[in-house]
Amino acid sequence: MTSTVHTTNTLDTARGMGFATDRGSLVEALITVGLAVPKRPAVSVLGGVLLCASEDHLTVSGTDHETMVSVRVPGTVQHPGTLVIDHAELTKLLGALVKGTRKRDADTLAVTVRTTDDGTPVVDLAGYTMPVTSYPTGDYPTIPDPAPTLAQVDRETFTEHMTRVRIAVGTDKTPMLTGVHLEITPGRVTMAGTDRFRLAIAPVAAVSIARTMPTASALVPARLVVPVVTRFTGDRVRIGLDNVTDPSLVSFTCSDITVTVRTLCGDFPAYQQLLPTTAAGTIQTNRATLLAATRRAAAVLDAKRDRQSRVAVTITPESLSVAPVMAEHADTVSTPGQPATVVGVTGTARLLFTPAYLIDALNSFTGDTVTLHTQTSPTRPVLLTDTPDGLTEDAAFRHLLMPRRLQEN
């Protein structure tokens, strides 16, 4: 792939380079690209950001080799050219030179980044001119063009669902479990994430899909993608893959921000086979009340320093309750119940969960109620949906949660 901003020259292209914009826009761009700048770079140049001034705008880019983030900043290009400037230093200078000024006033101030006659990069802000550390542009990694767009989705829905799926993504060193799986099909983009103990699936309707496009999929690192896409502000997100059948790069572009990531290796679990198609019981209840009860039970376990950390959800034909599972004096524990619409449970059922996982699952929903779809065995996965019909609705957000066994240590 070719680069839109990479150059192999160093001081020659830097001489005379200059652009002006407002401080607020530049600071926001640096915050966004900073998500891809290593905090402790293996080589100094990776601690920099690439500034490319061309035509009527500036492009600010950062990368750690695995993630490339670019932000287009409006402004006045005085002299076209490129610079690689230390990210942390430039960010701190933009704060230091307006220290004591109200943020809203400081953000409207004009800032200029330019090179002097001898090629020294400087920042002009609030009447000050300060030098800033730079690196040879030829040493900076190439920033690729965005991958060709395959689908466009509504930005608000996409970022909301990406965040919901992120909750279930693993944090261990198994690559396939640390990513968000994307599947692009006619009319839909489906995201999924799992850590073995829980699974979240979020379908998003596509505003547009590339013509004659077959089904495509890719696995992208959640820890790199999610923080960037949550900073999107445009109406639509364009999703692109460099290769439909075997992608190595995936791009997400929204308004002036583009993040391109390298795909993860490994086969994502065939999660569709894990989703139940029927339920032995359905329990619909108030989500906020259930969430509060689970948090209280978790707090009790923390106070008791219980290492097993389990909560029991007890279901009757008319209600459910959440209680901390105690190793000692369990028969003395009593908790209040809450009303529920229960179908398929005639006696009393008891499900054990890791409290943090149940809290995360409930937090991933946004409606007033939540429905638990249970199976015949209390150790089988429980599916959470917004409504009782969510089990059969292909477009519904779903969160699958694995209960814990009674004898677990």
Protein backbone atom coordinates (compact mmCIF):
# COMPACT_ATOMS: atom_id res chain seq x y z
CA MET A 1 0.00 0.00 0.00
CA THR A 2 1.15 3.53 -0.62
CA SER A 3 1.38 6.25 1.94
CA THR A 4 -0.23 9.63 1.75
CA VAL A 5 2.07 11.30 4.23
CA HIS A 6 5.35 9.39 4.38
CA THR A 7 8.55 10.95 3.11
CA THR A 8 12.15 9.79 3.06
CA ASN A 9 13.75 13.19 3.31
CA THR A 10 14.61 14.74 6.67
CA LEU A 11 15.77 18.30 7.14
CA ASP A 12 15.33 19.29 3.50
CA THR A 13 11.56 18.79 3.53
CA ALA A 14 11.34 20.19 7.04
CA ARG A 15 12.84 23.56 6.11
CA GLY A 16 10.12 26.12 5.53
CA MET A 17 7.33 23.80 6.67
CA GLY A 18 4.60 25.64 8.55
CA PHE A 19 0.91 25.58 9.37
CA ALA A 20 -1.48 27.47 11.64
CA THR A 21 -4.63 26.25 13.36
CA ASP A 22 -6.44 26.82 16.65
CA ARG A 23 -4.99 25.30 19.80
CA GLY A 24 -8.14 23.33 20.64
CA SER A 25 -8.15 21.45 17.32
CA LEU A 26 -4.48 20.58 17.56
CA VAL A 27 -4.78 19.40 21.17
CA GLU A 28 -7.76 17.16 20.33
CA ALA A 29 -5.86 15.69 17.38
CA LEU A 30 -2.85 14.95 19.59
CA ILE A 31 -5.07 13.25 22.18
CA THR A 32 -6.63 11.04 19.50
CA VAL A 33 -3.41 9.99 17.75
CA GLY A 34 -1.77 9.62 21.14
CA LEU A 35 -3.83 6.45 21.61
CA ALA A 36 -1.46 4.84 19.08
CA VAL A 37 1.77 6.40 20.38
CA PRO A 38 3.72 4.05 22.69
CA LYS A 39 4.23 5.39 26.21
CA ARG A 40 7.66 3.78 26.32
CA PRO A 41 8.73 3.48 22.67
CA ALA A 42 11.39 0.92 21.76
CA VAL A 43 12.95 3.59 19.51
CA SER A 44 12.66 7.33 20.08
CA VAL A 45 11.02 8.11 16.76
CA LEU A 46 7.93 6.07 17.72
CA GLY A 47 7.36 8.59 20.51
CA GLY A 48 6.74 11.19 17.83
CA VAL A 49 3.79 12.21 15.70
CA LEU A 50 3.95 12.81 11.99
CA LEU A 51 2.70 16.24 10.91
CA CYS A 52 1.97 16.63 7.22
CA ALA A 53 0.94 20.06 5.90
CA SER A 54 -0.51 19.98 2.40
CA GLU A 55 -3.02 22.04 0.46
CA ASP A 56 -5.52 23.44 3.00
CA HIS A 57 -5.16 21.07 5.94
CA LEU A 58 -2.82 19.33 8.34
CA THR A 59 -2.74 15.59 8.96
CA VAL A 60 -1.54 14.44 12.37
CA SER A 61 -0.61 10.74 12.57
CA GLY A 62 0.70 8.35 15.20
CA THR A 63 1.58 4.66 15.16
CA ASP A 64 3.05 1.83 17.18
CA HIS A 65 3.37 -0.37 14.07
CA GLU A 66 0.18 -2.29 14.94
CA THR A 67 -2.18 0.70 15.01
CA MET A 68 -2.13 3.78 12.79
CA VAL A 69 -4.30 6.77 13.72
CA SER A 70 -4.61 9.90 11.58
CA VAL A 71 -6.59 13.08 12.20
CA ARG A 72 -7.18 15.77 9.61
CA VAL A 73 -7.02 19.23 11.19
CA PRO A 74 -8.37 22.35 9.44
CA GLY A 75 -6.05 25.31 9.26
CA THR A 76 -3.78 27.42 7.09
CA VAL A 77 -0.80 25.79 5.41
CA GLN A 78 1.95 28.36 5.19
CA HIS A 79 4.50 26.00 3.67
CA PRO A 80 3.79 22.35 2.71
CA GLY A 81 6.01 19.73 4.26
CA THR A 82 6.35 17.10 6.95
CA LEU A 83 7.74 16.95 10.46
CA VAL A 84 8.01 14.31 13.15
CA ILE A 85 7.72 15.98 16.55
CA ASP A 86 7.87 14.43 20.01
CA HIS A 87 4.26 13.79 20.98
CA ALA A 88 4.57 14.15 24.75
CA GLU A 89 6.65 17.31 24.52
CA LEU A 90 4.37 19.03 22.02
CA THR A 91 1.29 18.13 24.07
CA LYS A 92 2.84 19.50 27.27
CA LEU A 93 4.05 22.69 25.55
CA LEU A 94 0.53 23.42 24.30
CA GLY A 95 -0.60 23.24 27.92
CA ALA A 96 2.36 25.04 29.50
CA LEU A 97 2.17 28.09 27.23
CA VAL A 98 -1.46 28.82 28.22
CA LYS A 99 -1.20 27.87 31.89
CA GLY A 100 -3.56 30.05 33.93
CA THR A 101 -5.84 30.74 30.94
CA ARG A 102 -9.37 29.37 30.89
CA LYS A 103 -9.59 26.34 28.64
CA ARG A 104 -12.31 27.74 26.42
CA ASP A 105 -10.27 30.88 25.87
CA ALA A 106 -7.03 28.97 25.37
CA ASP A 107 -8.59 26.65 22.79
CA THR A 108 -9.47 29.57 20.51
CA LEU A 109 -5.89 30.87 20.39
CA ALA A 110 -3.97 30.52 17.14
CA VAL A 111 -1.02 28.14 17.21
CA THR A 112 1.65 27.78 14.56
CA VAL A 113 4.07 24.91 14.09
CA ARG A 114 6.88 25.79 11.71
CA THR A 115 10.55 25.45 11.01
CA THR A 116 13.05 28.30 11.22
CA ASP A 117 15.55 29.11 8.49
CA ASP A 118 18.02 26.61 9.93
CA GLY A 119 15.36 23.85 10.07
CA THR A 120 14.62 24.01 13.81
CA PRO A 121 10.96 23.16 14.56
CA VAL A 122 9.24 25.71 16.79
CA VAL A 123 5.77 26.32 18.23
CA ASP A 124 4.24 29.82 18.30
CA LEU A 125 1.43 30.24 20.85
CA ALA A 126 0.14 33.13 23.01
CA GLY A 127 3.08 35.34 22.11
CA TYR A 128 5.67 32.65 22.89
CA THR A 129 7.99 30.86 20.50
CA MET A 130 9.48 27.60 21.76
CA PRO A 131 11.63 24.93 20.10
CA VAL A 132 10.31 21.36 20.09
CA THR A 133 12.16 18.07 19.74
CA SER A 134 11.94 16.47 16.31
CA TYR A 135 13.05 13.24 14.64
CA PRO A 136 14.06 12.39 11.06
CA THR A 137 10.91 11.87 9.02
CA GLY A 138 12.63 9.14 7.04
CA ASP A 139 12.83 7.03 10.18
CA TYR A 140 9.12 7.20 10.87
CA PRO A 141 6.94 4.22 9.80
CA THR A 142 4.75 4.56 6.74
CA ILE A 143 1.15 5.52 7.44
CA PRO A 144 -0.98 3.53 4.95
CA ASP A 145 -3.99 4.77 3.08
CA PRO A 146 -7.33 3.66 4.54
CA ALA A 147 -8.39 0.22 3.29
CA PRO A 148 -11.13 0.23 0.61
CA THR A 149 -14.56 0.76 2.14
CA LEU A 150 -16.84 -2.27 2.26
CA ALA A 151 -19.58 -0.97 4.55
CA GLN A 152 -20.88 2.20 6.15
CA VAL A 153 -22.74 2.20 9.46
CA ASP A 154 -24.34 4.77 11.72
CA ARG A 155 -21.63 6.15 13.98
CA GLU A 156 -23.65 6.42 17.18
CA THR A 157 -24.98 2.86 16.92
CA PHE A 158 -21.60 1.47 15.93
CA THR A 159 -19.65 3.05 18.79
CA GLU A 160 -22.33 2.10 21.32
CA HIS A 161 -22.29 -1.55 20.21
CA MET A 162 -18.51 -1.69 19.96
CA THR A 163 -18.35 -0.61 23.62
CA ARG A 164 -20.95 -3.20 24.62
CA VAL A 165 -19.04 -6.00 22.91
CA ARG A 166 -15.73 -4.83 24.40
CA ILE A 167 -16.99 -5.82 27.86
CA ALA A 168 -16.83 -9.52 26.95
CA VAL A 169 -13.41 -9.43 25.25
CA GLY A 170 -10.57 -11.25 27.00
CA THR A 171 -7.41 -9.66 28.35
CA ASP A 172 -5.12 -12.70 28.42
CA LYS A 173 -2.47 -13.52 25.83
CA THR A 174 -4.70 -15.65 23.60
CA PRO A 175 -4.87 -13.43 20.48
CA MET A 176 -8.26 -14.57 19.22
CA LEU A 177 -9.86 -13.79 22.59
CA THR A 178 -8.49 -10.23 22.81
CA GLY A 179 -10.17 -9.06 19.65
CA VAL A 180 -13.53 -7.96 18.32
CA HIS A 181 -14.69 -10.20 15.48
CA LEU A 182 -16.25 -8.31 12.56
CA GLU A 183 -18.47 -10.01 10.04
CA ILE A 184 -19.73 -7.99 7.09
CA THR A 185 -22.72 -9.45 5.30
CA PRO A 186 -25.29 -7.87 2.96
CA GLY A 187 -27.11 -5.24 5.00
CA ARG A 188 -25.33 -5.87 8.31
CA VAL A 189 -22.07 -5.64 10.26
CA THR A 190 -21.95 -7.98 13.26
CA MET A 191 -19.46 -7.57 16.10
CA ALA A 192 -18.66 -10.27 18.65
CA GLY A 193 -16.27 -10.69 21.56
CA THR A 194 -15.58 -13.44 24.11
CA ASP A 195 -13.19 -14.42 26.90
CA ARG A 196 -14.46 -18.05 27.15
CA PHE A 197 -16.79 -17.27 30.07
CA ARG A 198 -19.04 -14.76 28.31
CA LEU A 199 -19.94 -13.78 24.77
CA ALA A 200 -21.43 -10.54 23.43
CA ILE A 201 -22.92 -10.21 19.94
CA ALA A 202 -24.06 -6.91 18.45
CA PRO A 203 -25.50 -6.66 14.91
CA VAL A 204 -25.48 -3.18 13.32
CA ALA A 205 -27.54 -2.38 10.25
CA ALA A 206 -25.38 -1.16 7.36
CA VAL A 207 -26.21 2.14 5.73
CA SER A 208 -24.44 0.92 2.61
CA ILE A 209 -22.53 -2.18 1.51
CA ALA A 210 -20.09 -2.45 -1.39
CA ARG A 211 -21.72 -3.98 -4.43
CA THR A 212 -20.95 -7.63 -5.30
CA MET A 213 -19.25 -8.01 -1.93
CA PRO A 214 -19.11 -11.52 -0.48
CA THR A 215 -19.28 -12.13 3.25
CA ALA A 216 -16.07 -10.87 4.85
CA SER A 217 -14.69 -11.12 8.36
CA ALA A 218 -11.74 -9.89 10.39
CA LEU A 219 -10.48 -9.97 13.95
CA VAL A 220 -9.27 -6.61 15.27
CA PRO A 221 -7.55 -5.86 18.62
CA ALA A 222 -10.15 -4.42 20.98
CA ARG A 223 -7.71 -2.52 23.20
CA LEU A 224 -6.48 -0.54 20.19
CA VAL A 225 -9.72 0.05 18.29
CA VAL A 226 -12.29 0.83 20.98
CA PRO A 227 -10.55 3.91 22.50
CA VAL A 228 -10.26 5.50 19.05
CA VAL A 229 -13.76 4.79 17.72
CA THR A 230 -15.31 6.21 20.88
CA ARG A 231 -13.76 9.55 19.87
CA PHE A 232 -15.59 9.55 16.52
CA THR A 233 -18.01 12.44 16.03
CA GLY A 234 -19.25 12.17 12.45
CA ASP A 235 -22.50 10.69 11.18
CA ARG A 236 -21.15 7.52 9.60
CA VAL A 237 -18.27 5.10 10.03
CA ARG A 238 -16.66 3.64 6.93
CA ILE A 239 -15.25 0.15 7.45
CA GLY A 240 -12.59 -1.05 5.05
CA LEU A 241 -10.55 -4.21 4.53
CA ASP A 242 -7.39 -4.37 2.45
CA ASN A 243 -8.34 -7.88 1.31
CA VAL A 244 -11.85 -9.33 1.47
CA THR A 245 -10.82 -12.99 1.70
CA ASP A 246 -7.70 -12.66 3.89
CA PRO A 247 -7.50 -9.16 5.43
CA SER A 248 -4.32 -7.98 7.14
CA LEU A 249 -5.46 -4.38 7.68
CA VAL A 250 -8.85 -3.02 8.76
CA SER A 251 -9.68 0.69 8.64
CA PHE A 252 -12.38 2.66 10.43
CA THR A 253 -12.91 6.21 9.14
CA CYS A 254 -15.32 8.75 10.56
CA SER A 255 -15.22 12.39 9.55
CA ASP A 256 -11.60 13.53 10.05
CA ILE A 257 -10.37 10.48 12.00
CA THR A 258 -9.01 7.23 10.57
CA VAL A 259 -7.72 4.27 12.56
CA THR A 260 -6.10 1.37 10.73
CA VAL A 261 -5.13 -1.77 12.62
CA ARG A 262 -3.42 -5.02 11.78
CA THR A 263 -5.67 -8.03 12.17
CA LEU A 264 -5.09 -10.64 14.86
CA CYS A 265 -4.01 -14.18 14.08
CA GLY A 266 -6.12 -17.17 15.02
CA ASP A 267 -9.62 -18.44 14.37
CA PHE A 268 -12.40 -16.81 16.34
CA PRO A 269 -14.77 -19.34 17.97
CA ALA A 270 -17.78 -20.36 15.89
CA TYR A 271 -20.02 -18.47 18.28
CA GLN A 272 -23.27 -18.99 16.39
CA GLN A 273 -23.16 -22.61 17.50
CA LEU A 274 -23.02 -21.47 21.14
CA LEU A 275 -26.21 -19.42 21.00
CA PRO A 276 -29.30 -21.25 22.27
CA THR A 277 -32.28 -21.30 19.96
CA THR A 278 -34.77 -22.21 22.69
CA ALA A 279 -35.04 -21.56 26.41
CA ALA A 280 -36.38 -23.63 29.27
CA GLY A 281 -37.31 -20.46 31.12
CA THR A 282 -37.46 -16.71 30.60
CA ILE A 283 -37.20 -14.20 33.43
CA GLN A 284 -37.90 -10.53 32.69
CA THR A 285 -37.15 -8.02 35.43
CA ASN A 286 -36.08 -4.45 36.08
CA ARG A 287 -32.46 -4.12 34.98
CA ALA A 288 -31.44 -1.29 37.35
CA THR A 289 -32.85 -3.11 40.38
CA LEU A 290 -31.07 -6.34 39.46
CA LEU A 291 -27.83 -4.44 38.85
CA ALA A 292 -28.05 -2.71 42.26
CA ALA A 293 -28.72 -6.02 44.02
CA THR A 294 -25.73 -7.65 42.31
CA ARG A 295 -23.47 -4.76 43.28
CA ARG A 296 -24.56 -5.05 46.90
CA ALA A 297 -23.89 -8.78 46.91
CA ALA A 298 -20.45 -8.17 45.41
CA ALA A 299 -19.72 -5.54 48.06
CA VAL A 300 -20.67 -8.01 50.80
CA LEU A 301 -18.27 -10.59 49.35
CA ASP A 302 -15.55 -7.98 49.28
CA ALA A 303 -16.23 -7.07 52.90
CA LYS A 304 -16.11 -10.76 53.84
CA ARG A 305 -12.90 -11.20 51.81
CA ASP A 306 -14.46 -14.15 50.07
CA ARG A 307 -12.01 -15.52 47.52
CA GLN A 308 -14.55 -17.62 45.64
CA SER A 309 -16.65 -14.52 44.91
CA ARG A 310 -19.94 -15.98 43.71
CA VAL A 311 -23.46 -14.65 43.74
CA ALA A 312 -26.57 -16.76 43.56
CA VAL A 313 -29.56 -15.67 41.48
CA THR A 314 -32.58 -17.47 42.87
CA ILE A 315 -35.67 -17.62 40.64
CA THR A 316 -39.22 -18.43 41.72
CA PRO A 317 -42.39 -18.30 39.58
CA GLU A 318 -42.94 -14.66 40.57
CA SER A 319 -39.60 -13.14 41.57
CA LEU A 320 -35.84 -13.35 41.70
CA SER A 321 -33.21 -12.40 44.26
CA VAL A 322 -29.43 -12.03 44.37
CA ALA A 323 -27.39 -13.21 47.34
CA PRO A 324 -23.68 -13.54 48.09
CA VAL A 325 -22.62 -17.19 48.34
CA MET A 326 -21.03 -17.68 51.77
CA ALA A 327 -18.59 -20.45 52.66
CA GLU A 328 -19.70 -20.30 56.29
CA HIS A 329 -23.09 -19.64 57.91
CA ALA A 330 -24.76 -19.73 54.51
CA ASP A 331 -28.11 -20.59 56.11
CA THR A 332 -28.20 -17.20 57.84
CA VAL A 333 -28.07 -15.21 54.59
CA SER A 334 -31.34 -13.58 53.56
CA THR A 335 -31.88 -11.11 50.71
CA PRO A 336 -34.95 -9.29 49.37
CA GLY A 337 -36.56 -10.41 46.14
CA GLN A 338 -37.70 -8.28 43.22
CA PRO A 339 -40.73 -8.76 40.97
CA ALA A 340 -40.19 -10.65 37.72
CA THR A 341 -42.25 -12.01 34.86
CA VAL A 342 -41.27 -15.67 34.86
CA VAL A 343 -42.18 -18.25 32.22
CA GLY A 344 -41.12 -21.90 32.33
CA VAL A 345 -39.91 -22.02 35.94
CA THR A 346 -42.37 -23.86 38.16
CA GLY A 347 -40.29 -24.44 41.26
CA THR A 348 -37.15 -22.69 42.44
CA ALA A 349 -34.05 -22.37 40.27
CA ARG A 350 -30.62 -21.22 41.43
CA LEU A 351 -27.84 -19.89 39.19
CA LEU A 352 -24.33 -19.02 40.33
CA PHE A 353 -22.36 -16.24 38.65
CA THR A 354 -19.10 -14.38 39.03
CA PRO A 355 -20.46 -11.03 40.28
CA ALA A 356 -18.15 -8.89 38.12
CA TYR A 357 -19.29 -10.73 35.00
CA LEU A 358 -22.96 -10.37 35.85
CA ILE A 359 -22.46 -6.66 36.60
CA ASP A 360 -20.67 -6.17 33.27
CA ALA A 361 -23.42 -8.00 31.43
CA LEU A 362 -26.18 -5.90 33.00
CA ASN A 363 -24.20 -2.72 32.32
CA SER A 364 -23.98 -3.60 28.63
CA PHE A 365 -27.73 -3.21 28.29
CA THR A 366 -29.51 0.14 28.17
CA GLY A 367 -33.21 -0.68 28.51
CA ASP A 368 -35.40 -0.54 31.60
CA THR A 369 -35.77 -4.32 31.66
CA VAL A 370 -33.55 -7.29 30.92
CA THR A 371 -34.54 -10.87 30.16
CA LEU A 372 -32.62 -13.97 31.23
CA HIS A 373 -33.10 -17.05 29.04
CA THR A 374 -32.21 -20.18 31.02
CA GLN A 375 -31.64 -23.79 29.99
CA THR A 376 -32.66 -27.05 31.66
CA SER A 377 -29.38 -27.27 33.61
CA PRO A 378 -28.16 -24.52 35.98
CA THR A 379 -24.63 -24.96 34.58
CA ARG A 380 -25.65 -24.24 30.99
CA PRO A 381 -25.09 -20.73 29.53
CA VAL A 382 -27.67 -18.05 30.27
CA LEU A 383 -28.54 -15.63 27.47
CA LEU A 384 -29.38 -12.01 28.35
CA THR A 385 -31.42 -9.85 25.98
CA ASP A 386 -33.36 -6.60 26.19
CA THR A 387 -36.74 -8.29 25.71
CA PRO A 388 -38.28 -11.78 25.94
CA ASP A 389 -38.25 -11.93 22.12
CA GLY A 390 -34.50 -11.29 21.93
CA LEU A 391 -33.74 -15.00 21.67
CA THR A 392 -35.14 -15.18 18.14
CA GLU A 393 -34.40 -11.65 16.93
CA ASP A 394 -31.34 -11.68 14.69
CA ALA A 395 -30.89 -7.92 15.08
CA ALA A 396 -30.93 -8.00 18.90
CA PHE A 397 -27.90 -7.42 21.09
CA ARG A 398 -27.17 -10.59 23.06
CA HIS A 399 -24.88 -11.38 25.98
CA LEU A 400 -24.21 -15.02 26.82
CA LEU A 401 -23.00 -15.70 30.35
CA MET A 402 -21.57 -18.95 31.72
CA PRO A 403 -22.81 -19.82 35.24
CA ARG A 404 -20.38 -21.24 37.79
CA ARG A 405 -20.56 -24.67 39.33
CA LEU A 406 -21.37 -25.05 43.01
CA GLN A 407 -18.18 -26.98 43.76
CA GLU A 408 -15.82 -24.48 42.11
CA ASN A 409 -12.99 -23.16 44.27
